[in-house]
Amino acid sequence: NLSYSNLQGADLNGADLSSANLSGANLEGAILDGAILEGAMLDSA
């Protein structure tokens, strides 16, 4: 559960975020190359 978290500019390269809750999270400029976000909740992120 990372809802409403601030991950601005974070390096999540290759991270497994499957089924994670990232609703309302700030991922501006984050690096998510090759990340697994299957079934993740990114509404309003």
PDB file of all heavy atoms in Angstrom:
ATOM      1  N   ASN A   1       0.860  -1.177   0.000  1.00  0.00           N
ATOM      2  CA  ASN A   1       0.000   0.000   0.000  1.00  0.00           C
ATOM      3  C   ASN A   1       0.902   1.234   0.000  1.00  0.00           C
ATOM      4  O   ASN A   1       1.484   1.579   1.019  1.00  0.00           O
ATOM      5  CB  ASN A   1      -0.921   0.013   1.219  1.00  0.00           C
ATOM      6  CG  ASN A   1      -1.830   1.235   1.225  1.00  0.00           C
ATOM      7  OD1 ASN A   1      -1.814   2.056   0.312  1.00  0.00           O
ATOM      8  ND2 ASN A   1      -2.636   1.356   2.267  1.00  0.00           N
ATOM      9  N   LEU A   2       1.004   1.872  -1.168  1.00  0.00           N
ATOM     10  CA  LEU A   2       1.792   3.086  -1.332  1.00  0.00           C
ATOM     11  C   LEU A   2       0.881   4.243  -1.729  1.00  0.00           C
ATOM     12  O   LEU A   2       1.316   5.208  -2.343  1.00  0.00           O
ATOM     13  CB  LEU A   2       2.873   2.864  -2.398  1.00  0.00           C
ATOM     14  CG  LEU A   2       3.987   1.903  -1.994  1.00  0.00           C
ATOM     15  CD1 LEU A   2       4.642   1.283  -3.215  1.00  0.00           C
ATOM     16  CD2 LEU A   2       5.010   2.604  -1.135  1.00  0.00           C
ATOM     17  N   SER A   3      -0.393   4.143  -1.364  1.00  0.00           N
ATOM     18  CA  SER A   3      -1.343   5.192  -1.734  1.00  0.00           C
ATOM     19  C   SER A   3      -0.897   6.531  -1.147  1.00  0.00           C
ATOM     20  O   SER A   3      -0.432   6.597  -0.015  1.00  0.00           O
ATOM     21  CB  SER A   3      -2.752   4.835  -1.267  1.00  0.00           C
ATOM     22  OG  SER A   3      -2.797   4.664   0.131  1.00  0.00           O
ATOM     23  N   TYR A   4      -1.005   7.548  -1.963  1.00  0.00           N
ATOM     24  CA  TYR A   4      -0.660   8.929  -1.604  1.00  0.00           C
ATOM     25  C   TYR A   4       0.790   9.092  -1.149  1.00  0.00           C
ATOM     26  O   TYR A   4       1.120  10.054  -0.466  1.00  0.00           O
ATOM     27  CB  TYR A   4      -1.647   9.488  -0.570  1.00  0.00           C
ATOM     28  CG  TYR A   4      -3.059   9.409  -1.095  1.00  0.00           C
ATOM     29  CD1 TYR A   4      -3.906   8.380  -0.690  1.00  0.00           C
ATOM     30  CD2 TYR A   4      -3.520  10.322  -2.025  1.00  0.00           C
ATOM     31  CE1 TYR A   4      -5.194   8.275  -1.202  1.00  0.00           C
ATOM     32  CE2 TYR A   4      -4.803  10.222  -2.551  1.00  0.00           C
ATOM     33  CZ  TYR A   4      -5.628   9.206  -2.128  1.00  0.00           C
ATOM     34  OH  TYR A   4      -6.890   9.086  -2.651  1.00  0.00           O
ATOM     35  N   SER A   5       1.648   8.178  -1.534  1.00  0.00           N
ATOM     36  CA  SER A   5       3.071   8.297  -1.218  1.00  0.00           C
ATOM     37  C   SER A   5       3.753   9.193  -2.238  1.00  0.00           C
ATOM     38  O   SER A   5       3.294   9.341  -3.367  1.00  0.00           O
ATOM     39  CB  SER A   5       3.745   6.924  -1.221  1.00  0.00           C
ATOM     40  OG  SER A   5       3.279   6.161  -0.134  1.00  0.00           O
ATOM     41  N   ASN A   6       4.868   9.782  -1.846  1.00  0.00           N
ATOM     42  CA  ASN A   6       5.642  10.626  -2.740  1.00  0.00           C
ATOM     43  C   ASN A   6       6.895   9.863  -3.153  1.00  0.00           C
ATOM     44  O   ASN A   6       7.817   9.697  -2.347  1.00  0.00           O
ATOM     45  CB  ASN A   6       6.006  11.947  -2.071  1.00  0.00           C
ATOM     46  CG  ASN A   6       6.663  12.910  -3.032  1.00  0.00           C
ATOM     47  OD1 ASN A   6       7.051  12.558  -4.141  1.00  0.00           O
ATOM     48  ND2 ASN A   6       6.800  14.155  -2.606  1.00  0.00           N
ATOM     49  N   LEU A   7       6.891   9.377  -4.397  1.00  0.00           N
ATOM     50  CA  LEU A   7       8.014   8.626  -4.951  1.00  0.00           C
ATOM     51  C   LEU A   7       8.644   9.407  -6.105  1.00  0.00           C
ATOM     52  O   LEU A   7       9.196   8.837  -7.045  1.00  0.00           O
ATOM     53  CB  LEU A   7       7.526   7.260  -5.446  1.00  0.00           C
ATOM     54  CG  LEU A   7       7.073   6.308  -4.348  1.00  0.00           C
ATOM     55  CD1 LEU A   7       5.839   5.539  -4.740  1.00  0.00           C
ATOM     56  CD2 LEU A   7       8.189   5.373  -3.972  1.00  0.00           C
ATOM     57  N   GLN A   8       8.556  10.725  -6.032  1.00  0.00           N
ATOM     58  CA  GLN A   8       9.067  11.574  -7.097  1.00  0.00           C
ATOM     59  C   GLN A   8      10.550  11.303  -7.318  1.00  0.00           C
ATOM     60  O   GLN A   8      11.350  11.307  -6.378  1.00  0.00           O
ATOM     61  CB  GLN A   8       8.848  13.044  -6.731  1.00  0.00           C
ATOM     62  CG  GLN A   8       9.155  13.993  -7.855  1.00  0.00           C
ATOM     63  CD  GLN A   8       8.739  15.418  -7.495  1.00  0.00           C
ATOM     64  OE1 GLN A   8       8.343  15.710  -6.374  1.00  0.00           O
ATOM     65  NE2 GLN A   8       8.837  16.297  -8.464  1.00  0.00           N
ATOM     66  N   GLY A   9      10.908  11.011  -8.579  1.00  0.00           N
ATOM     67  CA  GLY A   9      12.300  10.766  -8.932  1.00  0.00           C
ATOM     68  C   GLY A   9      12.886   9.484  -8.384  1.00  0.00           C
ATOM     69  O   GLY A   9      14.091   9.264  -8.474  1.00  0.00           O
ATOM     70  N   ALA A  10      12.060   8.615  -7.824  1.00  0.00           N
ATOM     71  CA  ALA A  10      12.561   7.351  -7.265  1.00  0.00           C
ATOM     72  C   ALA A  10      12.992   6.401  -8.381  1.00  0.00           C
ATOM     73  O   ALA A  10      12.465   6.439  -9.489  1.00  0.00           O
ATOM     74  CB  ALA A  10      11.492   6.690  -6.404  1.00  0.00           C
ATOM     75  N   ASP A  11      13.965   5.559  -8.091  1.00  0.00           N
ATOM     76  CA  ASP A  11      14.428   4.541  -9.027  1.00  0.00           C
ATOM     77  C   ASP A  11      13.746   3.222  -8.676  1.00  0.00           C
ATOM     78  O   ASP A  11      14.090   2.577  -7.686  1.00  0.00           O
ATOM     79  CB  ASP A  11      15.949   4.395  -8.944  1.00  0.00           C
ATOM     80  CG  ASP A  11      16.503   3.382  -9.945  1.00  0.00           C
ATOM     81  OD1 ASP A  11      15.708   2.641 -10.572  1.00  0.00           O
ATOM     82  OD2 ASP A  11      17.737   3.332 -10.095  1.00  0.00           O
ATOM     83  N   LEU A  12      12.751   2.871  -9.484  1.00  0.00           N
ATOM     84  CA  LEU A  12      11.999   1.624  -9.306  1.00  0.00           C
ATOM     85  C   LEU A  12      12.244   0.710 -10.508  1.00  0.00           C
ATOM     86  O   LEU A  12      11.400  -0.091 -10.889  1.00  0.00           O
ATOM     87  CB  LEU A  12      10.505   1.936  -9.152  1.00  0.00           C
ATOM     88  CG  LEU A  12      10.137   2.645  -7.845  1.00  0.00           C
ATOM     89  CD1 LEU A  12       8.943   3.555  -8.036  1.00  0.00           C
ATOM     90  CD2 LEU A  12       9.868   1.633  -6.759  1.00  0.00           C
ATOM     91  N   ASN A  13      13.401   0.839 -11.092  1.00  0.00           N
ATOM     92  CA  ASN A  13      13.783   0.061 -12.261  1.00  0.00           C
ATOM     93  C   ASN A  13      13.679  -1.433 -11.955  1.00  0.00           C
ATOM     94  O   ASN A  13      14.297  -1.930 -11.026  1.00  0.00           O
ATOM     95  CB  ASN A  13      15.226   0.435 -12.623  1.00  0.00           C
ATOM     96  CG  ASN A  13      15.585   0.121 -14.045  1.00  0.00           C
ATOM     97  OD1 ASN A  13      14.731  -0.129 -14.879  1.00  0.00           O
ATOM     98  ND2 ASN A  13      16.871   0.165 -14.327  1.00  0.00           N
ATOM     99  N   GLY A  14      12.826  -2.138 -12.708  1.00  0.00           N
ATOM    100  CA  GLY A  14      12.677  -3.577 -12.524  1.00  0.00           C
ATOM    101  C   GLY A  14      11.979  -3.989 -11.250  1.00  0.00           C
ATOM    102  O   GLY A  14      11.977  -5.171 -10.895  1.00  0.00           O
ATOM    103  N   ALA A  15      11.374  -3.065 -10.535  1.00  0.00           N
ATOM    104  CA  ALA A  15      10.682  -3.399  -9.281  1.00  0.00           C
ATOM    105  C   ALA A  15       9.387  -4.155  -9.552  1.00  0.00           C
ATOM    106  O   ALA A  15       8.758  -3.981 -10.595  1.00  0.00           O
ATOM    107  CB  ALA A  15      10.375  -2.130  -8.495  1.00  0.00           C
ATOM    108  N   ASP A  16       8.989  -4.985  -8.612  1.00  0.00           N
ATOM    109  CA  ASP A  16       7.722  -5.712  -8.691  1.00  0.00           C
ATOM    110  C   ASP A  16       6.684  -4.962  -7.870  1.00  0.00           C
ATOM    111  O   ASP A  16       6.733  -4.961  -6.647  1.00  0.00           O
ATOM    112  CB  ASP A  16       7.877  -7.139  -8.169  1.00  0.00           C
ATOM    113  CG  ASP A  16       6.602  -7.966  -8.287  1.00  0.00           C
ATOM    114  OD1 ASP A  16       5.548  -7.415  -8.689  1.00  0.00           O
ATOM    115  OD2 ASP A  16       6.654  -9.168  -7.979  1.00  0.00           O
ATOM    116  N   LEU A  17       5.766  -4.299  -8.579  1.00  0.00           N
ATOM    117  CA  LEU A  17       4.685  -3.547  -7.950  1.00  0.00           C
ATOM    118  C   LEU A  17       3.341  -4.160  -8.337  1.00  0.00           C
ATOM    119  O   LEU A  17       2.322  -3.473  -8.356  1.00  0.00           O
ATOM    120  CB  LEU A  17       4.751  -2.079  -8.388  1.00  0.00           C
ATOM    121  CG  LEU A  17       5.954  -1.304  -7.854  1.00  0.00           C
ATOM    122  CD1 LEU A  17       6.440  -0.277  -8.846  1.00  0.00           C
ATOM    123  CD2 LEU A  17       5.620  -0.652  -6.539  1.00  0.00           C
ATOM    124  N   SER A  18       3.345  -5.440  -8.635  1.00  0.00           N
ATOM    125  CA  SER A  18       2.100  -6.089  -9.044  1.00  0.00           C
ATOM    126  C   SER A  18       1.074  -6.024  -7.920  1.00  0.00           C
ATOM    127  O   SER A  18       1.400  -6.230  -6.748  1.00  0.00           O
ATOM    128  CB  SER A  18       2.349  -7.538  -9.480  1.00  0.00           C
ATOM    129  OG  SER A  18       3.015  -8.265  -8.485  1.00  0.00           O
ATOM    130  N   SER A  19      -0.148  -5.669  -8.284  1.00  0.00           N
ATOM    131  CA  SER A  19      -1.277  -5.537  -7.357  1.00  0.00           C
ATOM    132  C   SER A  19      -1.025  -4.532  -6.236  1.00  0.00           C
ATOM    133  O   SER A  19      -1.699  -4.561  -5.205  1.00  0.00           O
ATOM    134  CB  SER A  19      -1.677  -6.899  -6.779  1.00  0.00           C
ATOM    135  OG  SER A  19      -2.053  -7.769  -7.823  1.00  0.00           O
ATOM    136  N   ALA A  20      -0.063  -3.633  -6.406  1.00  0.00           N
ATOM    137  CA  ALA A  20       0.205  -2.598  -5.399  1.00  0.00           C
ATOM    138  C   ALA A  20      -0.833  -1.490  -5.501  1.00  0.00           C
ATOM    139  O   ALA A  20      -1.390  -1.238  -6.563  1.00  0.00           O
ATOM    140  CB  ALA A  20       1.603  -2.019  -5.594  1.00  0.00           C
ATOM    141  N   ASN A  21      -1.086  -0.821  -4.385  1.00  0.00           N
ATOM    142  CA  ASN A  21      -1.991   0.318  -4.356  1.00  0.00           C
ATOM    143  C   ASN A  21      -1.150   1.587  -4.390  1.00  0.00           C
ATOM    144  O   ASN A  21      -0.493   1.937  -3.417  1.00  0.00           O
ATOM    145  CB  ASN A  21      -2.865   0.295  -3.095  1.00  0.00           C
ATOM    146  CG  ASN A  21      -3.845   1.449  -3.048  1.00  0.00           C
ATOM    147  OD1 ASN A  21      -3.828   2.341  -3.884  1.00  0.00           O
ATOM    148  ND2 ASN A  21      -4.707   1.434  -2.054  1.00  0.00           N
ATOM    149  N   LEU A  22      -1.178   2.260  -5.565  1.00  0.00           N
ATOM    150  CA  LEU A  22      -0.455   3.508  -5.764  1.00  0.00           C
ATOM    151  C   LEU A  22      -1.439   4.632  -6.075  1.00  0.00           C
ATOM    152  O   LEU A  22      -1.093   5.620  -6.707  1.00  0.00           O
ATOM    153  CB  LEU A  22       0.566   3.347  -6.896  1.00  0.00           C
ATOM    154  CG  LEU A  22       1.736   2.420  -6.578  1.00  0.00           C
ATOM    155  CD1 LEU A  22       2.245   1.726  -7.824  1.00  0.00           C
ATOM    156  CD2 LEU A  22       2.854   3.182  -5.901  1.00  0.00           C
ATOM    157  N   SER A  23      -2.669   4.495  -5.599  1.00  0.00           N
ATOM    158  CA  SER A  23      -3.694   5.502  -5.837  1.00  0.00           C
ATOM    159  C   SER A  23      -3.235   6.850  -5.288  1.00  0.00           C
ATOM    160  O   SER A  23      -2.798   6.943  -4.140  1.00  0.00           O
ATOM    161  CB  SER A  23      -5.011   5.113  -5.163  1.00  0.00           C
ATOM    162  OG  SER A  23      -5.496   3.905  -5.692  1.00  0.00           O
ATOM    163  N   GLY A  24      -3.307   7.874  -6.125  1.00  0.00           N
ATOM    164  CA  GLY A  24      -2.946   9.216  -5.695  1.00  0.00           C
ATOM    165  C   GLY A  24      -1.469   9.430  -5.417  1.00  0.00           C
ATOM    166  O   GLY A  24      -1.086  10.478  -4.912  1.00  0.00           O
ATOM    167  N   ALA A  25      -0.625   8.469  -5.751  1.00  0.00           N
ATOM    168  CA  ALA A  25       0.810   8.592  -5.486  1.00  0.00           C
ATOM    169  C   ALA A  25       1.468   9.564  -6.461  1.00  0.00           C
ATOM    170  O   ALA A  25       1.021   9.739  -7.592  1.00  0.00           O
ATOM    171  CB  ALA A  25       1.487   7.231  -5.577  1.00  0.00           C
ATOM    172  N   ASN A  26       2.554  10.191  -6.016  1.00  0.00           N
ATOM    173  CA  ASN A  26       3.341  11.071  -6.870  1.00  0.00           C
ATOM    174  C   ASN A  26       4.566  10.304  -7.342  1.00  0.00           C
ATOM    175  O   ASN A  26       5.482  10.044  -6.561  1.00  0.00           O
ATOM    176  CB  ASN A  26       3.762  12.334  -6.113  1.00  0.00           C
ATOM    177  CG  ASN A  26       4.554  13.287  -6.995  1.00  0.00           C
ATOM    178  OD1 ASN A  26       4.766  13.046  -8.176  1.00  0.00           O
ATOM    179  ND2 ASN A  26       4.995  14.388  -6.404  1.00  0.00           N
ATOM    180  N   LEU A  27       4.549   9.929  -8.629  1.00  0.00           N
ATOM    181  CA  LEU A  27       5.661   9.212  -9.244  1.00  0.00           C
ATOM    182  C   LEU A  27       6.284  10.048 -10.361  1.00  0.00           C
ATOM    183  O   LEU A  27       6.873   9.522 -11.298  1.00  0.00           O
ATOM    184  CB  LEU A  27       5.168   7.872  -9.803  1.00  0.00           C
ATOM    185  CG  LEU A  27       4.750   6.850  -8.760  1.00  0.00           C
ATOM    186  CD1 LEU A  27       3.606   5.994  -9.236  1.00  0.00           C
ATOM    187  CD2 LEU A  27       5.928   5.982  -8.363  1.00  0.00           C
ATOM    188  N   GLU A  28       6.142  11.363 -10.242  1.00  0.00           N
ATOM    189  CA  GLU A  28       6.661  12.245 -11.285  1.00  0.00           C
ATOM    190  C   GLU A  28       8.164  12.044 -11.442  1.00  0.00           C
ATOM    191  O   GLU A  28       8.922  12.073 -10.479  1.00  0.00           O
ATOM    192  CB  GLU A  28       6.370  13.711 -10.956  1.00  0.00           C
ATOM    193  CG  GLU A  28       6.797  14.651 -12.063  1.00  0.00           C
ATOM    194  CD  GLU A  28       6.327  16.076 -11.846  1.00  0.00           C
ATOM    195  OE1 GLU A  28       5.697  16.366 -10.809  1.00  0.00           O
ATOM    196  OE2 GLU A  28       6.588  16.901 -12.728  1.00  0.00           O
ATOM    197  N   GLY A  29       8.580  11.798 -12.699  1.00  0.00           N
ATOM    198  CA  GLY A  29       9.995  11.616 -12.993  1.00  0.00           C
ATOM    199  C   GLY A  29      10.597  10.327 -12.460  1.00  0.00           C
ATOM    200  O   GLY A  29      11.807  10.141 -12.517  1.00  0.00           O
ATOM    201  N   ALA A  30       9.777   9.434 -11.952  1.00  0.00           N
ATOM    202  CA  ALA A  30      10.282   8.158 -11.423  1.00  0.00           C
ATOM    203  C   ALA A  30      10.744   7.258 -12.576  1.00  0.00           C
ATOM    204  O   ALA A  30      10.246   7.346 -13.698  1.00  0.00           O
ATOM    205  CB  ALA A  30       9.204   7.450 -10.611  1.00  0.00           C
ATOM    206  N   ILE A  31      11.689   6.397 -12.279  1.00  0.00           N
ATOM    207  CA  ILE A  31      12.200   5.448 -13.267  1.00  0.00           C
ATOM    208  C   ILE A  31      11.585   4.090 -12.955  1.00  0.00           C
ATOM    209  O   ILE A  31      11.871   3.485 -11.928  1.00  0.00           O
ATOM    210  CB  ILE A  31      13.738   5.375 -13.219  1.00  0.00           C
ATOM    211  CG1 ILE A  31      14.345   6.757 -13.492  1.00  0.00           C
ATOM    212  CG2 ILE A  31      14.253   4.355 -14.231  1.00  0.00           C
ATOM    213  CD1 ILE A  31      15.819   6.857 -13.151  1.00  0.00           C
ATOM    214  N   LEU A  32      10.717   3.653 -13.863  1.00  0.00           N
ATOM    215  CA  LEU A  32      10.004   2.390 -13.702  1.00  0.00           C
ATOM    216  C   LEU A  32      10.251   1.482 -14.907  1.00  0.00           C
ATOM    217  O   LEU A  32       9.412   0.667 -15.261  1.00  0.00           O
ATOM    218  CB  LEU A  32       8.506   2.658 -13.534  1.00  0.00           C
ATOM    219  CG  LEU A  32       8.117   3.373 -12.245  1.00  0.00           C
ATOM    220  CD1 LEU A  32       7.039   4.401 -12.488  1.00  0.00           C
ATOM    221  CD2 LEU A  32       7.664   2.373 -11.214  1.00  0.00           C
ATOM    222  N   ASP A  33      11.403   1.633 -15.545  1.00  0.00           N
ATOM    223  CA  ASP A  33      11.719   0.815 -16.713  1.00  0.00           C
ATOM    224  C   ASP A  33      11.705  -0.660 -16.329  1.00  0.00           C
ATOM    225  O   ASP A  33      12.325  -1.063 -15.347  1.00  0.00           O
ATOM    226  CB  ASP A  33      13.087   1.191 -17.287  1.00  0.00           C
ATOM    227  CG  ASP A  33      13.128   2.595 -17.853  1.00  0.00           C
ATOM    228  OD1 ASP A  33      12.096   3.060 -18.366  1.00  0.00           O
ATOM    229  OD2 ASP A  33      14.201   3.225 -17.785  1.00  0.00           O
ATOM    230  N   GLY A  34      10.953  -1.450 -17.083  1.00  0.00           N
ATOM    231  CA  GLY A  34      10.878  -2.882 -16.826  1.00  0.00           C
ATOM    232  C   GLY A  34      10.159  -3.261 -15.556  1.00  0.00           C
ATOM    233  O   GLY A  34      10.185  -4.420 -15.146  1.00  0.00           O
ATOM    234  N   ALA A  35       9.514  -2.304 -14.910  1.00  0.00           N
ATOM    235  CA  ALA A  35       8.790  -2.602 -13.662  1.00  0.00           C
ATOM    236  C   ALA A  35       7.542  -3.423 -13.953  1.00  0.00           C
ATOM    237  O   ALA A  35       6.944  -3.321 -15.022  1.00  0.00           O
ATOM    238  CB  ALA A  35       8.406  -1.305 -12.952  1.00  0.00           C
ATOM    239  N   ILE A  36       7.157  -4.236 -12.990  1.00  0.00           N
ATOM    240  CA  ILE A  36       5.953  -5.052 -13.101  1.00  0.00           C
ATOM    241  C   ILE A  36       4.861  -4.377 -12.287  1.00  0.00           C
ATOM    242  O   ILE A  36       4.952  -4.286 -11.063  1.00  0.00           O
ATOM    243  CB  ILE A  36       6.207  -6.484 -12.589  1.00  0.00           C
ATOM    244  CG1 ILE A  36       7.343  -7.129 -13.383  1.00  0.00           C
ATOM    245  CG2 ILE A  36       4.933  -7.315 -12.680  1.00  0.00           C
ATOM    246  CD1 ILE A  36       7.885  -8.397 -12.753  1.00  0.00           C
ATOM    247  N   LEU A  37       3.843  -3.869 -13.002  1.00  0.00           N
ATOM    248  CA  LEU A  37       2.734  -3.155 -12.373  1.00  0.00           C
ATOM    249  C   LEU A  37       1.413  -3.827 -12.742  1.00  0.00           C
ATOM    250  O   LEU A  37       0.379  -3.170 -12.822  1.00  0.00           O
ATOM    251  CB  LEU A  37       2.740  -1.687 -12.826  1.00  0.00           C
ATOM    252  CG  LEU A  37       3.935  -0.883 -12.317  1.00  0.00           C
ATOM    253  CD1 LEU A  37       4.461   0.057 -13.363  1.00  0.00           C
ATOM    254  CD2 LEU A  37       3.564  -0.123 -11.069  1.00  0.00           C
ATOM    255  N   GLU A  38       1.445  -5.118 -12.967  1.00  0.00           N
ATOM    256  CA  GLU A  38       0.239  -5.849 -13.348  1.00  0.00           C
ATOM    257  C   GLU A  38      -0.796  -5.774 -12.238  1.00  0.00           C
ATOM    258  O   GLU A  38      -0.501  -6.053 -11.082  1.00  0.00           O
ATOM    259  CB  GLU A  38       0.578  -7.302 -13.669  1.00  0.00           C
ATOM    260  CG  GLU A  38       1.446  -7.436 -14.905  1.00  0.00           C
ATOM    261  CD  GLU A  38       1.723  -8.881 -15.279  1.00  0.00           C
ATOM    262  OE1 GLU A  38       0.791  -9.703 -15.184  1.00  0.00           O
ATOM    263  OE2 GLU A  38       2.866  -9.164 -15.663  1.00  0.00           O
ATOM    264  N   GLY A  39      -1.999  -5.337 -12.604  1.00  0.00           N
ATOM    265  CA  GLY A  39      -3.086  -5.242 -11.644  1.00  0.00           C
ATOM    266  C   GLY A  39      -2.910  -4.156 -10.602  1.00  0.00           C
ATOM    267  O   GLY A  39      -3.657  -4.096  -9.627  1.00  0.00           O
ATOM    268  N   ALA A  40      -1.935  -3.267 -10.797  1.00  0.00           N
ATOM    269  CA  ALA A  40      -1.691  -2.182  -9.833  1.00  0.00           C
ATOM    270  C   ALA A  40      -2.777  -1.119  -9.931  1.00  0.00           C
ATOM    271  O   ALA A  40      -3.338  -0.882 -10.997  1.00  0.00           O
ATOM    272  CB  ALA A  40      -0.324  -1.557 -10.074  1.00  0.00           C
ATOM    273  N   MET A  41      -3.063  -0.486  -8.805  1.00  0.00           N
ATOM    274  CA  MET A  41      -4.024   0.607  -8.751  1.00  0.00           C
ATOM    275  C   MET A  41      -3.226   1.909  -8.782  1.00  0.00           C
ATOM    276  O   MET A  41      -2.534   2.243  -7.810  1.00  0.00           O
ATOM    277  CB  MET A  41      -4.877   0.514  -7.494  1.00  0.00           C
ATOM    278  CG  MET A  41      -5.777  -0.696  -7.514  1.00  0.00           C
ATOM    279  SD  MET A  41      -6.852  -0.979  -6.057  1.00  0.00           S
ATOM    280  CE  MET A  41      -6.586   0.378  -4.991  1.00  0.00           C
ATOM    281  N   LEU A  42      -3.328   2.617  -9.917  1.00  0.00           N
ATOM    282  CA  LEU A  42      -2.612   3.872 -10.112  1.00  0.00           C
ATOM    283  C   LEU A  42      -3.599   4.994 -10.419  1.00  0.00           C
ATOM    284  O   LEU A  42      -3.239   5.985 -11.039  1.00  0.00           O
ATOM    285  CB  LEU A  42      -1.612   3.719 -11.262  1.00  0.00           C
ATOM    286  CG  LEU A  42      -0.420   2.812 -10.977  1.00  0.00           C
ATOM    287  CD1 LEU A  42       0.030   2.075 -12.225  1.00  0.00           C
ATOM    288  CD2 LEU A  42       0.723   3.610 -10.396  1.00  0.00           C
ATOM    289  N   ASP A  43      -4.840   4.832  -9.972  1.00  0.00           N
ATOM    290  CA  ASP A  43      -5.846   5.837 -10.258  1.00  0.00           C
ATOM    291  C   ASP A  43      -5.452   7.163  -9.612  1.00  0.00           C
ATOM    292  O   ASP A  43      -4.991   7.208  -8.479  1.00  0.00           O
ATOM    293  CB  ASP A  43      -7.240   5.389  -9.798  1.00  0.00           C
ATOM    294  CG  ASP A  43      -7.271   4.927  -8.356  1.00  0.00           C
ATOM    295  OD1 ASP A  43      -6.583   3.934  -8.026  1.00  0.00           O
ATOM    296  OD2 ASP A  43      -7.970   5.551  -7.561  1.00  0.00           O
ATOM    297  N   SER A  44      -5.574   8.221 -10.395  1.00  0.00           N
ATOM    298  CA  SER A  44      -5.241   9.586  -9.972  1.00  0.00           C
ATOM    299  C   SER A  44      -3.775   9.763  -9.571  1.00  0.00           C
ATOM    300  O   SER A  44      -3.427  10.714  -8.879  1.00  0.00           O
ATOM    301  CB  SER A  44      -6.158  10.054  -8.841  1.00  0.00           C
ATOM    302  OG  SER A  44      -7.510  10.009  -9.256  1.00  0.00           O
ATOM    303  N   ALA A  45      -2.911   8.864  -9.994  1.00  0.00           N
ATOM    304  CA  ALA A  45      -1.480   8.986  -9.701  1.00  0.00           C
ATOM    305  C   ALA A  45      -0.825   9.983 -10.660  1.00  0.00           C
ATOM    306  O   ALA A  45      -1.275  10.159 -11.790  1.00  0.00           O
ATOM    307  CB  ALA A  45      -0.788   7.629  -9.820  1.00  0.00           C
TER     308      ALA A  45
END
